[in-house]
Amino acid sequence: MANGSSSRTFLDPAVLARLSAVPLFSRRPMQGSVSGRHPSPHRGSSVEFAEYRRYVQGDDLRRVDWRAFGRTERYYVKEFEADTNLRCCVVLDTSGSMGFGSKEINKIEYAKRLAGTLAYLAVQQGDAVGLSCVAGKMVSNLPPRRNPAHLSAIFDVLEQATPEGETQLVPILHELAESISQRAMIVILSDFFLPTEELSDCFEHLRFRKHDISVFQLLDPAELAFEFQRPTRFLDMEGGAPIFADPAEITERYHQALATFLADFKKMMLRSAIDYHRVSIDESYEKVLMNLLAGRHQARRVR
């Protein structure tokens, strides 16, 4: 285990070993700095044929298909797929609502397990990883790098991340869409309790910049079930006024509002072609990540 990662509270060496057997692939062409296993928007040297194009002056004569010239008396050059490395940018919501947890673990601790494991897997296969922690502002921002020392710095930030403050995820995602200059895989971990119209705008901004977006919407079982039996004082973990309410009077309206919100959110994900994972934090995080890896592996095979 590299750089003392075995001592991190959010990493399980056995889970890392099992998940390492499945590569992490991008769904869209990436723009990296070295050769890797992910498709590039540029042509290059590879064993995977892409297409023919007409020869132009300056092309390498070794790539001319002389058999095609014999058939057509025209010069054609073979183009091959180029493979490059991946830039993975993990965006972790550290606002107050991520501190909620009704059982053994809260949302931010679950998110740390996802983020730390993904970062480890990416660096182990030679890809670059960065981390942005966001709440009412950009709390911390580590740009993507490939070396193990940088992975240790990411683990340090994850270890120290605490949930507090309001959510300003939308403007920060717009900022990241502009500041991440090259195509990247952007993984966003949040409960996303925000207006869907505003979220849709920032996701479209990220897609316009040709990023490959994965979203993990983390929800606590108590938020989904809402099985309170007696009058309860509900606290806003992001600083709003508390509300005292009788569950018997609000449960039905709560479930209707939640169902509408989740349905609208899922429609937005499908419309934007985002790799979407709704997660109840009592689920195994290993299974959640395996679903991500297996889905991307399958998409790669049919590409």
Protein backbone atom coordinates (compact mmCIF):
# COMPACT_ATOMS: atom_id res chain seq x y z
CA MET A 1 0.00 0.00 0.00
CA ALA A 2 1.62 3.28 -1.12
CA ASN A 3 2.43 6.24 1.12
CA GLY A 4 0.87 4.99 4.32
CA SER A 5 -2.56 4.67 2.74
CA SER A 6 -3.22 1.61 4.92
CA SER A 7 -3.51 3.94 7.95
CA ARG A 8 -6.22 6.13 6.41
CA THR A 9 -9.59 5.71 8.08
CA PHE A 10 -11.48 5.93 4.78
CA LEU A 11 -9.43 3.27 2.92
CA ASP A 12 -9.78 -0.50 3.16
CA PRO A 13 -6.79 -2.38 1.69
CA ALA A 14 -8.95 -5.43 0.90
CA VAL A 15 -11.43 -3.29 -1.05
CA LEU A 16 -8.59 -1.58 -2.93
CA ALA A 17 -7.11 -4.95 -3.89
CA ARG A 18 -10.43 -6.26 -5.21
CA LEU A 19 -11.32 -3.12 -7.16
CA SER A 20 -7.83 -2.83 -8.66
CA ALA A 21 -8.66 -5.81 -10.86
CA VAL A 22 -11.09 -3.66 -12.89
CA PRO A 23 -9.62 -0.66 -14.78
CA LEU A 24 -11.16 2.80 -14.54
CA PHE A 25 -11.99 3.96 -18.08
CA SER A 26 -13.19 7.31 -19.39
CA ARG A 27 -16.40 7.48 -21.43
CA ARG A 28 -15.17 10.35 -23.60
CA PRO A 29 -11.84 11.08 -25.32
CA MET A 30 -9.30 12.58 -22.94
CA GLN A 31 -6.41 14.99 -23.43
CA GLY A 32 -3.50 13.71 -21.39
CA SER A 33 0.24 14.24 -21.39
CA VAL A 34 1.50 10.67 -21.70
CA SER A 35 0.47 7.40 -23.30
CA GLY A 36 -2.27 5.59 -21.42
CA ARG A 37 -5.35 3.41 -21.76
CA HIS A 38 -7.98 6.06 -22.54
CA PRO A 39 -9.10 7.25 -26.00
CA SER A 40 -7.74 10.57 -27.22
CA PRO A 41 -9.45 13.05 -29.58
CA HIS A 42 -6.20 13.07 -31.57
CA ARG A 43 -4.89 10.36 -33.88
CA GLY A 44 -1.68 8.59 -33.09
CA SER A 45 0.16 5.30 -32.95
CA SER A 46 -1.91 2.35 -31.84
CA VAL A 47 -2.96 -1.12 -32.95
CA GLU A 48 -6.59 -0.01 -33.26
CA PHE A 49 -7.41 1.24 -36.75
CA ALA A 50 -9.63 4.34 -36.89
CA GLU A 51 -10.09 5.49 -40.51
CA TYR A 52 -8.47 6.42 -43.82
CA ARG A 53 -7.87 10.00 -44.90
CA ARG A 54 -6.34 11.60 -48.00
CA TYR A 55 -2.60 12.09 -47.94
CA VAL A 56 -1.43 15.68 -47.49
CA GLN A 57 2.09 17.00 -47.93
CA GLY A 58 4.16 16.43 -44.82
CA ASP A 59 2.47 13.19 -43.74
CA ASP A 60 4.75 10.34 -42.73
CA LEU A 61 5.17 8.14 -45.84
CA ARG A 62 5.35 5.06 -43.62
CA ARG A 63 1.63 5.51 -42.90
CA VAL A 64 0.61 5.52 -46.57
CA ASP A 65 -1.49 2.47 -47.50
CA TRP A 66 0.16 1.30 -50.72
CA ARG A 67 -2.49 -1.37 -51.30
CA ALA A 68 -5.15 1.34 -51.36
CA PHE A 69 -2.95 3.27 -53.81
CA GLY A 70 -2.73 0.19 -56.04
CA ARG A 71 -6.51 -0.08 -56.14
CA THR A 72 -7.40 3.61 -56.49
CA GLU A 73 -4.18 5.34 -57.67
CA ARG A 74 -4.73 7.80 -54.84
CA TYR A 75 -2.68 8.22 -51.71
CA TYR A 76 -4.42 7.40 -48.43
CA VAL A 77 -3.00 7.49 -44.92
CA LYS A 78 -4.08 5.10 -42.19
CA GLU A 79 -5.28 6.76 -39.00
CA PHE A 80 -5.11 4.90 -35.69
CA GLU A 81 -6.70 5.59 -32.33
CA ALA A 82 -4.36 7.33 -29.91
CA ASP A 83 -4.47 6.40 -26.24
CA THR A 84 -3.60 8.78 -23.43
CA ASN A 85 -3.81 9.12 -19.68
CA LEU A 86 -6.85 10.28 -17.72
CA ARG A 87 -7.20 13.44 -15.65
CA CYS A 88 -9.67 12.72 -12.83
CA CYS A 89 -10.98 15.68 -10.83
CA VAL A 90 -12.92 14.73 -7.69
CA VAL A 91 -15.30 17.41 -6.36
CA LEU A 92 -16.31 16.79 -2.74
CA ASP A 93 -19.19 18.75 -1.19
CA THR A 94 -18.14 19.62 2.38
CA SER A 95 -21.15 21.77 3.26
CA GLY A 96 -23.06 21.26 6.50
CA SER A 97 -25.71 18.91 5.12
CA MET A 98 -22.99 16.36 4.33
CA GLY A 99 -22.54 15.89 8.08
CA PHE A 100 -25.90 14.16 8.43
CA GLY A 101 -25.96 10.48 9.22
CA SER A 102 -28.62 8.48 11.01
CA LYS A 103 -26.54 5.31 11.43
CA GLU A 104 -22.87 4.39 11.77
CA ILE A 105 -21.61 6.74 9.06
CA ASN A 106 -22.54 10.17 7.76
CA LYS A 107 -22.56 11.37 4.17
CA ILE A 108 -19.15 13.01 4.16
CA GLU A 109 -17.43 9.95 5.64
CA TYR A 110 -19.06 7.82 2.95
CA ALA A 111 -17.97 10.33 0.29
CA LYS A 112 -14.40 10.19 1.60
CA ARG A 113 -14.38 6.43 1.06
CA LEU A 114 -15.53 6.86 -2.53
CA ALA A 115 -13.12 9.72 -3.24
CA GLY A 116 -10.08 8.13 -1.61
CA THR A 117 -10.60 4.77 -3.29
CA LEU A 118 -11.12 6.32 -6.73
CA ALA A 119 -8.01 8.48 -6.31
CA TYR A 120 -5.94 5.44 -5.37
CA LEU A 121 -7.22 3.36 -8.30
CA ALA A 122 -6.55 6.14 -10.80
CA VAL A 123 -2.99 6.82 -9.65
CA GLN A 124 -2.21 3.10 -9.54
CA GLN A 125 -3.02 2.83 -13.26
CA GLY A 126 -0.91 5.86 -14.17
CA ASP A 127 -3.62 8.54 -14.32
CA ALA A 128 -3.66 12.01 -12.78
CA VAL A 129 -5.98 12.88 -9.89
CA GLY A 130 -7.04 16.16 -8.34
CA LEU A 131 -9.40 17.09 -5.49
CA SER A 132 -11.63 20.10 -4.87
CA CYS A 133 -13.47 20.47 -1.54
CA VAL A 134 -16.35 22.95 -1.79
CA ALA A 135 -18.86 24.46 0.61
CA GLY A 136 -19.66 28.17 0.76
CA LYS A 137 -16.41 28.66 -1.17
CA MET A 138 -13.60 26.57 -2.61
CA VAL A 139 -12.25 25.15 0.65
CA SER A 140 -9.25 23.42 -0.96
CA ASN A 141 -8.15 22.68 -4.50
CA LEU A 142 -5.42 20.26 -5.57
CA PRO A 143 -4.93 20.15 -9.37
CA PRO A 144 -4.54 16.72 -11.02
CA ARG A 145 -1.10 15.08 -10.85
CA ARG A 146 0.08 11.53 -11.40
CA ASN A 147 2.72 10.93 -8.73
CA PRO A 148 2.23 8.96 -5.48
CA ALA A 149 3.36 11.93 -3.34
CA HIS A 150 0.44 13.92 -4.71
CA LEU A 151 -1.89 11.04 -3.80
CA SER A 152 -0.67 11.33 -0.22
CA ALA A 153 -1.52 15.05 -0.26
CA ILE A 154 -5.04 14.22 -1.48
CA PHE A 155 -5.44 11.74 1.39
CA ASP A 156 -4.31 14.43 3.84
CA VAL A 157 -6.99 16.82 2.59
CA LEU A 158 -9.66 14.11 2.75
CA GLU A 159 -8.65 13.20 6.28
CA GLN A 160 -9.07 16.82 7.42
CA ALA A 161 -12.27 17.62 5.51
CA THR A 162 -15.16 18.55 7.83
CA PRO A 163 -18.76 19.41 6.91
CA GLU A 164 -19.70 23.01 7.67
CA GLY A 165 -21.29 26.04 6.09
CA GLU A 166 -23.75 26.58 3.29
CA THR A 167 -23.69 25.06 -0.20
CA GLN A 168 -22.30 27.07 -3.12
CA LEU A 169 -21.80 24.07 -5.35
CA VAL A 170 -23.39 25.56 -8.47
CA PRO A 171 -21.14 28.63 -8.93
CA ILE A 172 -18.06 26.60 -8.05
CA LEU A 173 -18.91 23.98 -10.68
CA HIS A 174 -19.23 26.80 -13.23
CA GLU A 175 -15.81 28.03 -12.08
CA LEU A 176 -14.30 24.56 -12.44
CA ALA A 177 -15.80 24.18 -15.90
CA GLU A 178 -13.69 27.17 -16.98
CA SER A 179 -10.57 26.55 -14.90
CA ILE A 180 -10.04 22.86 -15.84
CA SER A 181 -8.45 23.60 -19.18
CA GLN A 182 -8.23 20.07 -20.62
CA ARG A 183 -10.86 17.37 -20.92
CA ALA A 184 -11.19 15.45 -17.66
CA MET A 185 -13.30 12.96 -15.81
CA ILE A 186 -15.09 14.98 -13.14
CA VAL A 187 -16.55 13.03 -10.21
CA ILE A 188 -18.97 15.01 -8.04
CA LEU A 189 -19.95 13.76 -4.56
CA SER A 190 -22.88 15.57 -2.91
CA ASP A 191 -26.47 15.23 -1.76
CA PHE A 192 -27.40 17.87 -4.37
CA PHE A 193 -30.17 19.51 -2.34
CA LEU A 194 -30.26 22.45 -4.74
CA PRO A 195 -32.67 23.73 -7.42
CA THR A 196 -32.48 21.35 -10.39
CA GLU A 197 -32.61 24.24 -12.88
CA GLU A 198 -29.40 25.71 -11.46
CA LEU A 199 -27.71 22.32 -11.40
CA SER A 200 -28.75 21.67 -14.99
CA ASP A 201 -27.02 24.86 -16.13
CA CYS A 202 -23.70 23.96 -14.52
CA PHE A 203 -23.81 20.37 -15.81
CA GLU A 204 -24.45 21.64 -19.33
CA HIS A 205 -21.49 24.00 -18.89
CA LEU A 206 -19.27 21.05 -17.95
CA ARG A 207 -20.54 19.01 -20.91
CA PHE A 208 -19.91 21.94 -23.26
CA ARG A 209 -16.28 21.85 -22.13
CA LYS A 210 -16.26 18.13 -23.13
CA HIS A 211 -15.73 16.75 -19.63
CA ASP A 212 -16.80 13.23 -18.68
CA ILE A 213 -19.07 13.70 -15.66
CA SER A 214 -19.92 11.18 -12.95
CA VAL A 215 -22.36 12.12 -10.19
CA PHE A 216 -22.83 10.34 -6.88
CA GLN A 217 -25.94 11.61 -5.09
CA LEU A 218 -25.53 10.56 -1.45
CA LEU A 219 -28.68 10.18 0.64
CA ASP A 220 -29.18 8.94 4.17
CA PRO A 221 -31.76 6.16 4.79
CA ALA A 222 -33.62 8.44 7.23
CA GLU A 223 -33.99 11.09 4.50
CA LEU A 224 -35.52 8.52 2.19
CA ALA A 225 -37.81 6.80 4.72
CA PHE A 226 -38.74 9.75 6.99
CA GLU A 227 -40.13 7.46 9.69
CA PHE A 228 -40.31 9.95 12.55
CA GLN A 229 -43.14 9.13 14.98
CA ARG A 230 -43.39 12.10 17.34
CA PRO A 231 -43.15 15.90 17.08
CA THR A 232 -39.55 16.72 16.21
CA ARG A 233 -37.31 19.77 16.01
CA PHE A 234 -35.58 19.66 12.60
CA LEU A 235 -32.28 21.55 12.27
CA ASP A 236 -30.88 23.07 9.09
CA MET A 237 -27.26 21.89 9.04
CA GLU A 238 -26.32 24.76 6.73
CA GLY A 239 -27.39 27.55 9.05
CA GLY A 240 -31.12 28.07 8.45
CA ALA A 241 -33.75 28.44 11.16
CA PRO A 242 -34.88 25.22 12.93
CA ILE A 243 -38.41 23.91 12.31
CA PHE A 244 -40.61 22.17 14.87
CA ALA A 245 -43.13 19.91 13.18
CA ASP A 246 -45.44 16.97 13.76
CA PRO A 247 -44.47 14.16 11.30
CA ALA A 248 -48.10 13.07 11.08
CA GLU A 249 -48.89 16.38 9.39
CA ILE A 250 -45.94 16.63 7.00
CA THR A 251 -44.88 13.06 6.13
CA GLU A 252 -47.09 12.72 3.05
CA ARG A 253 -46.07 16.12 1.67
CA TYR A 254 -42.42 15.35 2.42
CA HIS A 255 -42.52 12.08 0.45
CA GLN A 256 -44.27 13.79 -2.47
CA ALA A 257 -41.72 16.62 -2.54
CA LEU A 258 -38.78 14.20 -2.26
CA ALA A 259 -40.15 11.93 -5.00
CA THR A 260 -40.64 14.91 -7.31
CA PHE A 261 -37.14 16.22 -6.60
CA LEU A 262 -35.47 12.83 -7.19
CA ALA A 263 -37.48 12.19 -10.38
CA ASP A 264 -36.59 15.63 -11.76
CA PHE A 265 -32.94 15.11 -10.83
CA LYS A 266 -32.80 11.73 -12.58
CA LYS A 267 -34.43 13.19 -15.71
CA MET A 268 -31.81 15.93 -15.73
CA MET A 269 -29.03 13.32 -15.47
CA LEU A 270 -30.45 11.31 -18.37
CA ARG A 271 -30.95 14.43 -20.49
CA SER A 272 -27.37 15.49 -19.88
CA ALA A 273 -25.94 11.97 -20.47
CA ILE A 274 -24.26 12.00 -17.07
CA ASP A 275 -22.98 8.84 -15.38
CA TYR A 276 -25.42 9.01 -12.45
CA HIS A 277 -25.41 6.97 -9.24
CA ARG A 278 -28.04 7.53 -6.54
CA VAL A 279 -26.63 6.05 -3.34
CA SER A 280 -28.14 5.33 0.05
CA ILE A 281 -25.20 5.50 2.44
CA ASP A 282 -26.12 2.21 4.09
CA GLU A 283 -25.06 0.51 0.83
CA SER A 284 -21.63 -1.05 0.40
CA TYR A 285 -19.36 1.60 -1.12
CA GLU A 286 -17.36 -1.19 -2.75
CA LYS A 287 -20.46 -2.31 -4.64
CA VAL A 288 -21.20 1.29 -5.69
CA LEU A 289 -17.69 1.71 -7.10
CA MET A 290 -17.78 -1.70 -8.79
CA ASN A 291 -20.95 -0.61 -10.58
CA LEU A 292 -19.10 2.49 -11.80
CA LEU A 293 -16.07 0.54 -13.01
CA ALA A 294 -18.06 -2.29 -14.59
CA GLY A 295 -20.39 0.12 -16.40
CA ARG A 296 -17.49 2.04 -17.89
CA HIS A 297 -15.70 -1.18 -18.83
CA GLN A 298 -18.79 -2.40 -20.67
CA ALA A 299 -19.17 0.95 -22.48
CA ARG A 300 -15.51 0.73 -23.54
CA ARG A 301 -16.05 -2.74 -25.04
CA VAL A 302 -18.94 -1.58 -27.26
CA ARG A 303 -17.30 1.73 -28.25
